[in-house]
Amino acid sequence: MTDEKIARINELARRSKTTGLSDEEKAEQKALRDEYRAAVRRSLEGQLGNIEFVDKKEN
């Protein structure tokens, strides 16, 4: 997810609170949010995949 897309998500969120969004902007906002959530999930899955459990004897 690029910084530009995150900035656009934030811009749309601010506008939705003040002036409202058109149907096209609502669809764009939903698509961007879905993409953002997918990126967060991938990142979390990658981090969890790198966790290694060891016991006190480091086995």
C-alpha atoms as a PDB file:
ATOM      1  CA  MET A   1       0.000   0.000   0.000  1.00  0.00           C
ATOM      2  CA  THR A   2       1.525   3.283  -1.086  1.00  0.00           C
ATOM      3  CA  ASP A   3       1.594   6.505   0.887  1.00  0.00           C
ATOM      4  CA  GLU A   4      -0.532   8.122  -1.806  1.00  0.00           C
ATOM      5  CA  LYS A   5      -3.290   5.550  -1.353  1.00  0.00           C
ATOM      6  CA  ILE A   6      -3.221   5.964   2.428  1.00  0.00           C
ATOM      7  CA  ALA A   7      -3.424   9.738   1.983  1.00  0.00           C
ATOM      8  CA  ARG A   8      -6.417   9.251  -0.327  1.00  0.00           C
ATOM      9  CA  ILE A   9      -8.132   7.021   2.271  1.00  0.00           C
ATOM     10  CA  ASN A  10      -7.637   9.748   4.867  1.00  0.00           C
ATOM     11  CA  GLU A  11      -8.844  12.461   2.494  1.00  0.00           C
ATOM     12  CA  LEU A  12     -12.020  10.528   1.706  1.00  0.00           C
ATOM     13  CA  ALA A  13     -12.631   9.882   5.409  1.00  0.00           C
ATOM     14  CA  ARG A  14     -12.351  13.592   6.198  1.00  0.00           C
ATOM     15  CA  ARG A  15     -14.643  14.540   3.323  1.00  0.00           C
ATOM     16  CA  SER A  16     -17.218  11.926   4.309  1.00  0.00           C
ATOM     17  CA  LYS A  17     -17.470  13.567   7.738  1.00  0.00           C
ATOM     18  CA  THR A  18     -17.830  17.095   6.367  1.00  0.00           C
ATOM     19  CA  THR A  19     -19.398  17.350   2.914  1.00  0.00           C
ATOM     20  CA  GLY A  20     -20.242  13.726   2.183  1.00  0.00           C
ATOM     21  CA  LEU A  21     -19.153  11.517  -0.695  1.00  0.00           C
ATOM     22  CA  SER A  22     -20.603  10.728  -4.079  1.00  0.00           C
ATOM     23  CA  ASP A  23     -21.449   7.133  -4.947  1.00  0.00           C
ATOM     24  CA  GLU A  24     -18.231   6.861  -6.979  1.00  0.00           C
ATOM     25  CA  GLU A  25     -16.158   8.151  -4.067  1.00  0.00           C
ATOM     26  CA  LYS A  26     -17.866   5.735  -1.681  1.00  0.00           C
ATOM     27  CA  ALA A  27     -16.972   2.850  -4.006  1.00  0.00           C
ATOM     28  CA  GLU A  28     -13.379   4.118  -4.234  1.00  0.00           C
ATOM     29  CA  GLN A  29     -13.213   4.425  -0.448  1.00  0.00           C
ATOM     30  CA  LYS A  30     -14.473   0.862  -0.006  1.00  0.00           C
ATOM     31  CA  ALA A  31     -11.969  -0.505  -2.529  1.00  0.00           C
ATOM     32  CA  LEU A  32      -9.081   1.360  -0.897  1.00  0.00           C
ATOM     33  CA  ARG A  33     -10.096   0.216   2.570  1.00  0.00           C
ATOM     34  CA  ASP A  34     -10.358  -3.399   1.382  1.00  0.00           C
ATOM     35  CA  GLU A  35      -6.893  -3.140  -0.161  1.00  0.00           C
ATOM     36  CA  TYR A  36      -5.519  -1.630   3.062  1.00  0.00           C
ATOM     37  CA  ARG A  37      -7.036  -4.384   5.209  1.00  0.00           C
ATOM     38  CA  ALA A  38      -5.587  -7.047   2.896  1.00  0.00           C
ATOM     39  CA  ALA A  39      -2.121  -5.455   3.200  1.00  0.00           C
ATOM     40  CA  VAL A  40      -2.390  -5.394   6.998  1.00  0.00           C
ATOM     41  CA  ARG A  41      -3.457  -9.056   7.021  1.00  0.00           C
ATOM     42  CA  ARG A  42      -0.512 -10.059   4.804  1.00  0.00           C
ATOM     43  CA  SER A  43       1.887  -8.176   7.042  1.00  0.00           C
ATOM     44  CA  LEU A  44       0.476  -9.753  10.201  1.00  0.00           C
ATOM     45  CA  GLU A  45       0.533 -13.238   8.688  1.00  0.00           C
ATOM     46  CA  GLY A  46       4.174 -12.701   7.722  1.00  0.00           C
ATOM     47  CA  GLN A  47       5.076 -11.590  11.224  1.00  0.00           C
ATOM     48  CA  LEU A  48       3.218 -14.481  12.828  1.00  0.00           C
ATOM     49  CA  GLY A  49       4.879 -16.901  10.436  1.00  0.00           C
ATOM     50  CA  ASN A  50       8.281 -15.821  11.719  1.00  0.00           C
ATOM     51  CA  ILE A  51       7.495 -16.448  15.386  1.00  0.00           C
ATOM     52  CA  GLU A  52       9.399 -19.319  16.866  1.00  0.00           C
ATOM     53  CA  PHE A  53       8.533 -20.791  20.235  1.00  0.00           C
ATOM     54  CA  VAL A  54      11.343 -22.072  22.430  1.00  0.00           C
ATOM     55  CA  ASP A  55      11.281 -23.618  25.846  1.00  0.00           C
ATOM     56  CA  LYS A  56      13.514 -22.642  28.763  1.00  0.00           C
ATOM     57  CA  LYS A  57      16.267 -24.894  27.384  1.00  0.00           C
ATOM     58  CA  GLU A  58      15.941 -23.117  24.023  1.00  0.00           C
ATOM     59  CA  ASN A  59      14.864 -26.248  22.134  1.00  0.00           C
END
